[in-house]
Amino acid sequence: MFKNVEWLRDAVFYEIYPQSFYDSNGDGIGDLKGIEEKLDYVKWLGCNAIWINPFYESPFGDAGYDITDFRKVAPRYGTNEDFEALCRSAHEKGIRILCDLVPCHTSIEHRFFRESSKKEKNEYSDFYIWCNDPGSEYPHLNKRKYERDDRYLCSFYAIQPAINYGFYEVTEDWQMDMNSEICLNNQKKLIDVMDYWISLGADGFRVDMAKDIIKSDPKREGTKLFWQKIRQYLDDNHPDIVLISEWSRGNEAVDAGFHMDMFLSGGSLFRNEKPEENYFNYFRKEGKGILSRFSDDYINIYEHIKGRGYWSLVSGNHDQPRISKGRDDEELKTLMAFILTMPSPPIIYYGDEIGMRFIEGIDKEGSQTSRGGSRTPMQWEDGKKNKGFSTSDDPYLPADNSEGSPSVDKQKGKDDSLLEYTRKMTSLKHSHSAFFADSDFRFMDRKMNYPLWYERKSSDETIRVVINPSGKKMTIKETENIKEILECRNASLDGNAITLTGLSVFIYTV
């Protein structure tokens, strides 16, 4: 039904948490001008698209995911003119800019909510979802002291009242059908917000909580219809604009009209370690993971969305512990090789390219300690104040000054560093059509647990990738002639026998 955006084929995304990336004015908080100043670094790394977490006006009860003005840059990040300047500079360097779209809720301090909470009927009374039935047991209804003696539905925290886009299955009198005039008008308001940022230079949106926008929709039928309408609008009016969802189920998201979904959890590959349940990550040197826990589900979704959209592998994000947690740089290199050679555009979370650590015990602006430790300042220069992030005596969060903590300057130019290896893999990805997002993919042997062996194929070339993230030595035999070795890390070739000594990457053409 929809066509994919051409520039996505060769995209490598870099996620930036703006308050922690680079502070250009010394106030302790990262800003848009700071991102602009570091565009050359992003380009040098091999990333040609940036996703920026929310930078809108907010009281920051949830680090900017509680918004009071969807069309205004929060003063701590700069101005709307700074955003325009960032987009211009990025485009001159061949870098696309994606905004974080937060469609499901506002801040409780938004002027629309203040009006909606008044007893007297007004134009915003139904902008949010209110329940006037004290006996209703619908989840996430909150009661606070307002003129209006009703409960309101929240999206996540109580400070985030849900915008009323309606219900797919209306079961109670206070619920509105998703096709009611009020709900459709709210959808139009959302499109207007998107149009505004596009007019300033945005190249697309990553959509927060995309699967939760329509309520009482267990099979996401209404949610799919909602996003399909928006995707059709974009295709008709802004055909190069990209929609990326926070859904973590690529088949549903692409069916809903998104160009790409994010494979968030990493499942048994990267996270969710549960030794007591015999559940181990695949990308650990112990080599106890079970590939089929990932591959069976992945290939089913890949086949379902092939030719229509992508399911992106991510190194991490602002809501998860750092990918470096429990891993050393050698393990991280195998993981980066995997992320950057699989189908779909990958996303690198700022700092993962140098192995920034998860800092325990940090809770800032609603992050909670499970997330705050992944939001610390980017570590630019070792030995400098705040690791080069800011000259302030009171930075947004403390930098990691522990012994051996990584930084860009310590790794840049060092051939065997994680940073240079990540850059090497992004360069390999850009220089081979077989690694483009839409090139063919297949597992060479899904029954084999270790190593991970797969093929990428375009009309021009066929490349095979062998990754052994375990520390165990193993050998596989290639049945076809190996033409060229593109990458050989902790591996050797004897005839057609590939020996992987552990934490190995072997990439070749046939």
Protein backbone atom coordinates (compact mmCIF):
# COMPACT_ATOMS: atom_id res chain seq x y z
CA MET A 1 0.00 0.00 0.00
CA PHE A 2 2.86 2.40 0.81
CA LYS A 3 6.27 2.99 -0.74
CA ASN A 4 9.41 3.20 1.36
CA VAL A 5 11.60 6.31 1.51
CA GLU A 6 14.70 5.92 -0.64
CA TRP A 7 17.19 7.49 1.77
CA LEU A 8 16.37 4.91 4.43
CA ARG A 9 18.12 2.20 2.41
CA ASP A 10 21.55 3.48 3.48
CA ALA A 11 20.64 5.18 6.75
CA VAL A 12 22.55 4.74 10.01
CA PHE A 13 20.83 6.55 12.87
CA TYR A 14 22.40 8.16 15.92
CA GLU A 15 20.09 8.78 18.89
CA ILE A 16 20.86 11.91 20.91
CA TYR A 17 19.53 12.66 24.38
CA PRO A 18 19.89 16.44 23.97
CA GLN A 19 20.38 17.49 27.58
CA SER A 20 23.38 15.15 27.89
CA PHE A 21 25.15 15.44 24.52
CA TYR A 22 27.02 18.73 24.39
CA ASP A 23 26.54 22.03 26.26
CA SER A 24 27.45 24.95 24.02
CA ASN A 25 26.79 27.80 26.47
CA GLY A 26 28.11 26.52 29.80
CA ASP A 27 24.79 26.32 31.65
CA GLY A 28 25.24 22.61 32.39
CA ILE A 29 22.59 21.34 29.97
CA GLY A 30 23.14 20.08 26.44
CA ASP A 31 21.41 22.07 23.72
CA LEU A 32 20.63 22.24 20.01
CA LYS A 33 23.64 24.42 19.22
CA GLY A 34 25.74 21.79 20.96
CA ILE A 35 24.38 19.14 18.61
CA GLU A 36 25.12 21.41 15.66
CA GLU A 37 28.72 21.84 16.84
CA LYS A 38 29.16 18.05 16.93
CA LEU A 39 27.68 17.25 13.50
CA ASP A 40 31.14 16.66 12.05
CA TYR A 41 31.71 13.96 14.67
CA VAL A 42 28.40 12.28 13.82
CA LYS A 43 29.30 12.33 10.13
CA TRP A 44 32.83 11.07 10.85
CA LEU A 45 31.33 8.16 12.80
CA GLY A 46 29.35 7.17 9.72
CA CYS A 47 25.87 8.14 10.89
CA ASN A 48 23.77 10.04 8.36
CA ALA A 49 20.58 10.48 10.39
CA ILE A 50 19.95 11.75 13.93
CA TRP A 51 16.97 11.07 16.16
CA ILE A 52 16.72 13.67 18.92
CA ASN A 53 14.75 12.95 22.08
CA PRO A 54 12.12 15.61 22.99
CA PHE A 55 13.38 19.19 23.04
CA TYR A 56 9.99 20.89 23.48
CA GLU A 57 8.79 23.18 26.26
CA SER A 58 8.16 21.09 29.37
CA PRO A 59 8.24 21.13 33.18
CA PHE A 60 10.47 18.02 32.81
CA GLY A 61 8.62 15.70 35.11
CA ASP A 62 9.52 12.95 32.64
CA ALA A 63 12.63 14.39 30.99
CA GLY A 64 10.67 16.23 28.32
CA TYR A 65 8.10 13.55 27.51
CA ASP A 66 5.60 15.76 29.35
CA ILE A 67 5.05 18.66 26.99
CA THR A 68 3.43 22.05 27.53
CA ASP A 69 3.99 23.44 24.02
CA PHE A 70 4.43 21.09 21.07
CA ARG A 71 5.61 23.92 18.78
CA LYS A 72 8.24 25.52 20.97
CA VAL A 73 11.81 24.51 21.78
CA ALA A 74 12.36 24.52 25.54
CA PRO A 75 14.56 27.51 26.46
CA ARG A 76 17.18 25.27 28.01
CA TYR A 77 17.82 23.78 24.56
CA GLY A 78 17.67 27.05 22.66
CA THR A 79 15.09 28.42 20.24
CA ASN A 80 13.03 27.34 17.25
CA GLU A 81 15.54 29.26 15.15
CA ASP A 82 18.29 27.06 16.61
CA PHE A 83 16.39 24.01 15.41
CA GLU A 84 16.13 25.47 11.91
CA ALA A 85 19.86 26.22 11.94
CA LEU A 86 20.62 22.68 13.11
CA CYS A 87 18.59 21.22 10.26
CA ARG A 88 20.28 23.45 7.70
CA SER A 89 23.75 22.53 8.91
CA ALA A 90 22.88 18.84 9.10
CA HIS A 91 21.45 18.82 5.57
CA GLU A 92 24.59 20.51 4.24
CA LYS A 93 26.55 17.57 5.67
CA GLY A 94 24.16 14.93 4.34
CA ILE A 95 22.58 14.23 7.73
CA ARG A 96 18.82 13.92 8.30
CA ILE A 97 17.12 15.11 11.51
CA LEU A 98 14.23 13.24 13.16
CA CYS A 99 12.16 14.71 15.97
CA ASP A 100 10.65 12.70 18.79
CA LEU A 101 6.86 12.88 18.37
CA VAL A 102 4.91 12.43 21.62
CA PRO A 103 1.31 12.04 20.44
CA CYS A 104 -0.43 10.22 23.29
CA HIS A 105 -0.38 12.83 26.05
CA THR A 106 0.64 16.30 27.20
CA SER A 107 1.93 17.59 30.49
CA ILE A 108 -0.61 18.11 33.24
CA GLU A 109 0.56 21.75 33.10
CA HIS A 110 -0.42 22.21 29.45
CA ARG A 111 -2.89 25.07 29.07
CA PHE A 112 -5.29 22.73 27.23
CA PHE A 113 -5.43 20.48 30.29
CA ARG A 114 -5.99 23.40 32.62
CA GLU A 115 -8.97 24.41 30.50
CA SER A 116 -10.17 20.82 30.17
CA SER A 117 -10.19 20.40 33.95
CA LYS A 118 -12.60 23.30 34.46
CA LYS A 119 -16.18 22.55 35.42
CA GLU A 120 -17.69 24.83 32.79
CA LYS A 121 -17.88 23.29 29.31
CA ASN A 122 -15.35 24.75 26.85
CA GLU A 123 -13.58 23.85 23.60
CA TYR A 124 -10.99 21.74 25.46
CA SER A 125 -13.35 19.82 27.74
CA ASP A 126 -13.06 16.68 25.59
CA PHE A 127 -9.51 17.19 24.37
CA TYR A 128 -8.51 14.66 27.04
CA ILE A 129 -10.22 11.47 28.21
CA TRP A 130 -12.33 12.03 31.31
CA CYS A 131 -14.40 9.48 33.16
CA ASN A 132 -17.47 10.75 35.05
CA ASP A 133 -18.42 7.26 36.26
CA PRO A 134 -17.08 6.74 39.81
CA GLY A 135 -17.70 3.01 39.48
CA SER A 136 -15.61 2.49 36.36
CA GLU A 137 -12.61 0.22 36.83
CA TYR A 138 -10.91 1.18 33.57
CA PRO A 139 -7.13 1.20 34.21
CA HIS A 140 -4.95 4.31 34.59
CA LEU A 141 -7.74 6.66 35.65
CA ASN A 142 -6.47 9.35 38.02
CA LYS A 143 -8.22 11.62 40.48
CA ARG A 144 -6.84 15.01 41.48
CA LYS A 145 -8.48 18.10 42.88
CA TYR A 146 -9.88 20.08 39.97
CA GLU A 147 -13.05 22.05 39.35
CA ARG A 148 -14.19 19.11 37.28
CA ASP A 149 -15.18 16.23 39.53
CA ASP A 150 -14.04 13.49 37.13
CA ARG A 151 -11.06 11.21 36.72
CA TYR A 152 -8.71 11.56 33.77
CA LEU A 153 -6.87 8.84 31.87
CA CYS A 154 -3.08 9.04 31.90
CA SER A 155 -0.59 7.49 29.49
CA PHE A 156 2.33 6.68 31.81
CA TYR A 157 2.89 8.91 34.81
CA ALA A 158 -0.06 10.74 36.39
CA ILE A 159 1.46 13.98 35.09
CA GLN A 160 0.77 12.80 31.50
CA PRO A 161 -2.99 13.04 30.74
CA ALA A 162 -4.02 11.10 27.64
CA ILE A 163 -5.15 13.05 24.58
CA ASN A 164 -8.55 11.88 23.35
CA TYR A 165 -8.16 10.05 20.03
CA GLY A 166 -11.01 7.77 21.03
CA PHE A 167 -11.77 4.12 21.70
CA TYR A 168 -11.94 1.30 19.20
CA GLU A 169 -14.34 -0.69 21.37
CA VAL A 170 -16.70 1.64 23.26
CA THR A 171 -17.98 -0.17 26.35
CA GLU A 172 -18.83 2.68 28.75
CA ASP A 173 -20.86 5.89 28.35
CA TRP A 174 -17.92 8.24 28.95
CA GLN A 175 -15.86 6.75 26.11
CA MET A 176 -15.86 8.30 22.62
CA ASP A 177 -15.61 6.42 19.35
CA MET A 178 -12.35 7.02 17.50
CA ASN A 179 -14.31 8.34 14.50
CA SER A 180 -16.17 10.99 16.46
CA GLU A 181 -15.62 14.58 15.38
CA ILE A 182 -13.66 15.52 18.50
CA CYS A 183 -11.25 12.59 18.13
CA LEU A 184 -10.70 13.22 14.43
CA ASN A 185 -10.01 16.89 15.16
CA ASN A 186 -7.34 15.87 17.65
CA GLN A 187 -5.75 13.69 14.98
CA LYS A 188 -5.75 16.73 12.69
CA LYS A 189 -4.03 18.77 15.42
CA LEU A 190 -1.31 16.11 15.59
CA ILE A 191 -0.78 16.32 11.83
CA ASP A 192 -0.54 20.11 12.15
CA VAL A 193 2.25 19.71 14.72
CA MET A 194 4.11 17.39 12.35
CA ASP A 195 3.66 19.85 9.48
CA TYR A 196 5.10 22.61 11.66
CA TRP A 197 8.39 20.82 12.40
CA ILE A 198 8.64 19.63 8.81
CA SER A 199 8.38 23.28 7.74
CA LEU A 200 11.40 24.03 9.96
CA GLY A 201 13.47 21.25 8.43
CA ALA A 202 12.61 17.97 10.16
CA ASP A 203 13.04 14.84 8.03
CA GLY A 204 10.77 12.59 10.06
CA PHE A 205 9.58 11.45 13.45
CA ARG A 206 10.19 8.70 15.93
CA VAL A 207 6.79 8.16 17.54
CA ASP A 208 6.59 7.58 21.29
CA MET A 209 4.12 4.89 22.50
CA ALA A 210 2.80 4.51 18.95
CA LYS A 211 0.80 1.35 19.61
CA ASP A 212 -1.15 2.89 22.51
CA ILE A 213 -2.80 5.86 20.84
CA ILE A 214 -6.29 4.32 20.42
CA LYS A 215 -7.80 2.90 23.60
CA SER A 216 -9.62 -0.43 24.09
CA ASP A 217 -7.98 -1.75 20.96
CA PRO A 218 -6.59 -5.20 21.89
CA LYS A 219 -5.72 -6.24 18.33
CA ARG A 220 -4.57 -2.72 17.31
CA GLU A 221 -7.10 -2.54 14.46
CA GLY A 222 -8.08 1.04 15.26
CA THR A 223 -4.48 2.02 15.98
CA LYS A 224 -3.43 0.73 12.55
CA LEU A 225 -6.19 2.72 10.87
CA PHE A 226 -5.12 5.84 12.76
CA TRP A 227 -1.48 5.64 11.65
CA GLN A 228 -2.32 4.50 8.12
CA LYS A 229 -4.26 7.73 7.67
CA ILE A 230 -1.28 9.78 8.83
CA ARG A 231 1.12 7.80 6.66
CA GLN A 232 -1.11 8.40 3.64
CA TYR A 233 -1.09 12.13 4.41
CA LEU A 234 2.71 12.12 4.55
CA ASP A 235 3.04 10.11 1.34
CA ASP A 236 0.75 12.56 -0.42
CA ASN A 237 2.34 15.73 0.94
CA HIS A 238 5.83 14.91 2.26
CA PRO A 239 6.97 11.69 0.52
CA ASP A 240 10.54 11.84 1.93
CA ILE A 241 9.41 12.13 5.56
CA VAL A 242 10.02 9.03 7.69
CA LEU A 243 7.86 7.56 10.48
CA ILE A 244 9.58 5.29 13.01
CA SER A 245 7.55 3.68 15.76
CA GLU A 246 8.15 2.69 19.35
CA TRP A 247 6.19 -0.54 18.97
CA SER A 248 8.73 -3.37 19.21
CA ARG A 249 6.67 -5.56 16.93
CA GLY A 250 7.73 -4.87 13.38
CA ASN A 251 4.93 -6.73 11.64
CA GLU A 252 2.20 -4.74 13.40
CA ALA A 253 4.01 -1.43 13.05
CA VAL A 254 4.70 -1.77 9.33
CA ASP A 255 1.11 -2.91 8.76
CA ALA A 256 0.10 0.31 10.53
CA GLY A 257 2.03 2.38 7.99
CA PHE A 258 5.33 3.00 9.74
CA HIS A 259 8.45 2.90 7.63
CA MET A 260 10.34 1.29 10.47
CA ASP A 261 9.89 -0.13 13.95
CA MET A 262 12.55 -0.58 16.63
CA PHE A 263 13.51 -3.96 18.04
CA LEU A 264 13.74 -2.51 21.53
CA SER A 265 14.39 -5.18 24.10
CA GLY A 266 17.03 -7.19 22.29
CA GLY A 267 15.40 -10.18 23.92
CA SER A 268 17.78 -13.05 24.41
CA LEU A 269 20.37 -11.33 22.22
CA PHE A 270 21.36 -8.32 24.32
CA ARG A 271 19.31 -8.13 27.51
CA ASN A 272 16.78 -9.85 29.79
CA GLU A 273 19.37 -12.07 31.42
CA LYS A 274 17.66 -14.58 33.75
CA PRO A 275 20.18 -17.26 34.80
CA GLU A 276 17.72 -18.75 37.28
CA GLU A 277 15.47 -19.58 34.31
CA ASN A 278 18.36 -20.79 32.13
CA TYR A 279 17.89 -17.66 30.01
CA PHE A 280 21.16 -16.12 28.88
CA ASN A 281 22.09 -13.35 26.46
CA TYR A 282 23.47 -14.60 23.17
CA PHE A 283 26.07 -11.83 22.88
CA ARG A 284 28.19 -12.79 25.88
CA LYS A 285 31.53 -14.54 25.91
CA GLU A 286 30.11 -17.37 28.06
CA GLY A 287 28.29 -18.62 24.97
CA LYS A 288 25.18 -19.85 26.78
CA GLY A 289 22.58 -18.10 24.62
CA ILE A 290 20.04 -19.84 22.39
CA LEU A 291 19.88 -18.27 18.92
CA SER A 292 16.46 -19.67 18.02
CA ARG A 293 14.84 -17.56 20.73
CA PHE A 294 15.67 -14.63 18.47
CA SER A 295 15.97 -16.06 14.98
CA ASP A 296 12.61 -17.85 14.76
CA ASP A 297 10.63 -14.74 15.66
CA TYR A 298 12.89 -12.42 13.69
CA ILE A 299 12.70 -14.32 10.42
CA ASN A 300 8.90 -14.57 10.62
CA ILE A 301 8.58 -10.82 11.02
CA TYR A 302 11.26 -10.14 8.42
CA GLU A 303 9.41 -12.22 5.84
CA HIS A 304 6.11 -10.50 6.73
CA ILE A 305 7.42 -6.94 6.23
CA LYS A 306 10.02 -7.54 3.52
CA GLY A 307 9.74 -4.93 0.79
CA ARG A 308 7.34 -2.80 2.86
CA GLY A 309 9.30 -1.66 5.89
CA TYR A 310 12.02 -2.40 8.42
CA TRP A 311 12.57 -3.69 11.95
CA SER A 312 15.60 -1.85 13.26
CA LEU A 313 18.19 -3.26 15.63
CA VAL A 314 19.33 -0.68 18.19
CA SER A 315 22.41 -0.62 20.37
CA GLY A 316 20.36 0.88 23.20
CA ASN A 317 18.25 3.89 24.09
CA HIS A 318 17.36 6.30 26.86
CA ASP A 319 14.99 3.83 28.55
CA GLN A 320 17.34 0.85 28.92
CA PRO A 321 20.58 0.07 30.73
CA ARG A 322 23.64 0.66 28.57
CA ILE A 323 24.56 -2.19 26.24
CA SER A 324 28.03 -2.17 27.85
CA LYS A 325 26.63 -3.39 31.17
CA GLY A 326 28.35 -6.70 31.92
CA ARG A 327 30.36 -6.62 28.67
CA ASP A 328 33.87 -5.60 27.70
CA ASP A 329 34.86 -3.82 24.49
CA GLU A 330 35.69 -7.07 22.67
CA GLU A 331 32.17 -8.33 23.23
CA LEU A 332 30.78 -4.97 22.15
CA LYS A 333 32.66 -5.15 18.85
CA THR A 334 30.88 -8.35 17.88
CA LEU A 335 27.59 -6.73 18.81
CA MET A 336 28.30 -3.63 16.71
CA ALA A 337 29.28 -5.82 13.75
CA PHE A 338 25.93 -7.58 14.06
CA ILE A 339 23.79 -4.44 14.38
CA LEU A 340 25.51 -2.78 11.42
CA THR A 341 25.30 -5.71 8.99
CA MET A 342 21.73 -6.92 9.55
CA PRO A 343 18.81 -5.74 7.37
CA SER A 344 17.09 -2.43 8.21
CA PRO A 345 18.65 0.89 9.25
CA PRO A 346 20.47 0.49 12.62
CA ILE A 347 20.32 2.95 15.51
CA ILE A 348 23.36 3.72 17.67
CA TYR A 349 22.61 5.33 21.02
CA TYR A 350 25.01 8.18 21.78
CA GLY A 351 28.04 6.93 23.70
CA ASP A 352 27.54 3.26 22.87
CA GLU A 353 30.20 3.65 20.19
CA ILE A 354 32.78 4.22 22.93
CA GLY A 355 31.26 1.79 25.44
CA MET A 356 29.90 4.34 27.91
CA ARG A 357 28.96 2.65 31.17
CA PHE A 358 25.63 2.43 32.95
CA ILE A 359 25.90 4.48 36.16
CA GLU A 360 23.93 2.99 39.02
CA GLY A 361 21.66 4.96 41.31
CA ILE A 362 20.77 7.95 39.10
CA ASP A 363 17.21 9.28 39.10
CA LYS A 364 16.72 12.56 37.27
CA GLU A 365 13.54 14.14 35.95
CA GLY A 366 11.46 10.98 36.36
CA SER A 367 14.04 8.65 34.85
CA GLN A 368 14.06 6.25 37.80
CA THR A 369 17.28 4.37 38.55
CA SER A 370 16.64 1.76 35.85
CA ARG A 371 16.99 4.44 33.16
CA GLY A 372 18.88 7.38 34.61
CA GLY A 373 22.24 5.64 34.40
CA SER A 374 22.00 5.57 30.61
CA ARG A 375 21.46 9.33 30.35
CA THR A 376 24.76 10.67 31.67
CA PRO A 377 26.83 13.21 29.70
CA MET A 378 28.62 12.22 26.53
CA GLN A 379 32.29 11.69 27.31
CA TRP A 380 34.24 13.75 24.83
CA GLU A 381 37.62 14.42 26.40
CA ASP A 382 39.38 12.61 29.21
CA GLY A 383 40.86 14.88 31.85
CA LYS A 384 38.59 17.79 31.02
CA LYS A 385 35.85 19.14 33.23
CA ASN A 386 32.72 17.00 32.91
CA LYS A 387 34.60 14.92 30.32
CA GLY A 388 34.33 17.84 27.91
CA PHE A 389 30.53 17.89 27.99
CA SER A 390 30.18 21.25 29.77
CA THR A 391 32.23 23.93 31.52
CA SER A 392 29.54 24.25 34.21
CA ASP A 393 30.10 23.52 37.89
CA ASP A 394 26.57 22.10 38.02
CA PRO A 395 26.02 19.82 34.99
CA TYR A 396 22.71 18.15 34.20
CA LEU A 397 24.12 14.83 35.41
CA PRO A 398 27.60 13.91 36.63
CA ALA A 399 30.02 12.52 34.08
CA ASP A 400 31.57 9.10 34.59
CA ASN A 401 34.95 9.90 36.12
CA SER A 402 35.62 6.37 37.35
CA GLU A 403 38.91 4.68 36.54
CA GLY A 404 39.15 3.55 32.93
CA SER A 405 35.96 5.29 31.81
CA PRO A 406 35.95 5.75 28.03
CA SER A 407 36.04 8.96 26.03
CA VAL A 408 36.09 9.94 22.39
CA ASP A 409 39.58 11.45 22.49
CA LYS A 410 41.09 8.33 24.09
CA GLN A 411 39.69 6.11 21.35
CA LYS A 412 39.75 8.27 18.23
CA GLY A 413 42.69 7.29 16.05
CA LYS A 414 43.41 4.15 18.05
CA ASP A 415 43.00 1.36 15.52
CA ASP A 416 41.70 -1.31 17.87
CA SER A 417 39.34 0.87 19.89
CA LEU A 418 35.59 0.29 19.99
CA LEU A 419 35.04 3.73 18.45
CA GLU A 420 37.27 3.05 15.47
CA TYR A 421 35.80 -0.42 15.04
CA THR A 422 32.26 0.99 15.02
CA ARG A 423 33.37 3.52 12.42
CA LYS A 424 34.97 0.74 10.38
CA MET A 425 31.69 -1.19 10.37
CA THR A 426 29.59 1.86 9.39
CA SER A 427 32.01 2.46 6.51
CA LEU A 428 31.67 -1.17 5.43
CA LYS A 429 27.90 -0.85 5.55
CA HIS A 430 27.84 2.28 3.38
CA SER A 431 30.28 0.91 0.81
CA HIS A 432 28.45 -2.35 0.02
CA SER A 433 24.97 -2.51 -1.49
CA ALA A 434 24.45 -5.96 0.06
CA PHE A 435 24.36 -4.23 3.45
CA PHE A 436 21.68 -1.74 2.45
CA ALA A 437 18.49 -2.05 4.47
CA ASP A 438 16.42 -3.60 1.70
CA SER A 439 18.98 -6.14 0.45
CA ASP A 440 18.10 -9.80 0.88
CA PHE A 441 18.80 -11.64 4.11
CA ARG A 442 18.84 -15.26 5.20
CA PHE A 443 20.32 -17.30 8.02
CA MET A 444 22.81 -19.79 6.61
CA ASP A 445 22.00 -22.42 9.22
CA ARG A 446 19.22 -21.71 11.71
CA LYS A 447 19.80 -25.00 13.48
CA MET A 448 23.37 -24.03 14.39
CA ASN A 449 23.46 -22.18 17.70
CA TYR A 450 26.98 -20.71 17.54
CA PRO A 451 28.36 -19.06 15.49
CA LEU A 452 25.81 -16.70 13.99
CA TRP A 453 26.05 -17.07 10.19
CA TYR A 454 23.95 -15.16 7.69
CA GLU A 455 23.94 -13.85 4.15
CA ARG A 456 23.18 -10.41 2.70
CA LYS A 457 22.59 -10.17 -1.02
CA SER A 458 21.96 -7.41 -3.54
CA SER A 459 21.89 -7.49 -7.34
CA ASP A 460 25.60 -6.59 -7.29
CA GLU A 461 27.09 -8.84 -4.63
CA THR A 462 26.63 -11.58 -2.05
CA ILE A 463 28.21 -11.14 1.38
CA ARG A 464 28.25 -13.61 4.24
CA VAL A 465 28.79 -12.69 7.87
CA VAL A 466 30.02 -15.03 10.58
CA ILE A 467 29.98 -13.77 14.17
CA ASN A 468 31.09 -15.77 17.20
CA PRO A 469 30.18 -13.68 20.26
CA SER A 470 31.25 -16.50 22.57
CA GLY A 471 34.78 -17.05 23.84
CA LYS A 472 34.84 -20.59 22.51
CA LYS A 473 36.88 -21.71 19.50
CA MET A 474 34.90 -23.20 16.62
CA THR A 475 35.22 -23.93 12.91
CA ILE A 476 32.71 -23.88 10.05
CA LYS A 477 33.17 -24.85 6.40
CA GLU A 478 32.09 -22.70 3.50
CA THR A 479 30.89 -24.68 0.46
CA GLU A 480 31.31 -21.84 -2.04
CA ASN A 481 34.47 -20.08 -3.15
CA ILE A 482 35.43 -17.16 -0.96
CA LYS A 483 36.25 -14.21 -3.22
CA GLU A 484 37.25 -11.44 -0.85
CA ILE A 485 37.64 -11.08 2.91
CA LEU A 486 36.08 -7.82 4.05
CA GLU A 487 36.64 -8.21 7.79
CA CYS A 488 38.60 -10.72 9.81
CA ARG A 489 38.69 -10.37 13.56
CA ASN A 490 39.99 -13.20 15.76
CA ALA A 491 39.50 -15.58 12.85
CA SER A 492 41.51 -17.41 10.21
CA LEU A 493 40.89 -19.12 6.88
CA ASP A 494 42.39 -22.43 5.77
CA GLY A 495 41.04 -23.38 2.38
CA ASN A 496 37.32 -23.04 2.92
CA ALA A 497 37.48 -23.72 6.68
CA ILE A 498 36.81 -20.64 8.79
CA THR A 499 38.21 -20.90 12.32
CA LEU A 500 36.83 -18.50 14.92
CA THR A 501 38.95 -18.32 18.06
CA GLY A 502 36.31 -16.45 20.07
CA LEU A 503 34.76 -12.96 20.02
CA SER A 504 35.21 -13.23 16.28
CA VAL A 505 33.91 -11.54 13.14
CA PHE A 506 34.53 -12.86 9.64
CA ILE A 507 32.89 -11.13 6.67
CA TYR A 508 33.48 -12.19 3.07
CA THR A 509 32.05 -12.23 -0.45
CA VAL A 510 31.19 -15.36 -2.40
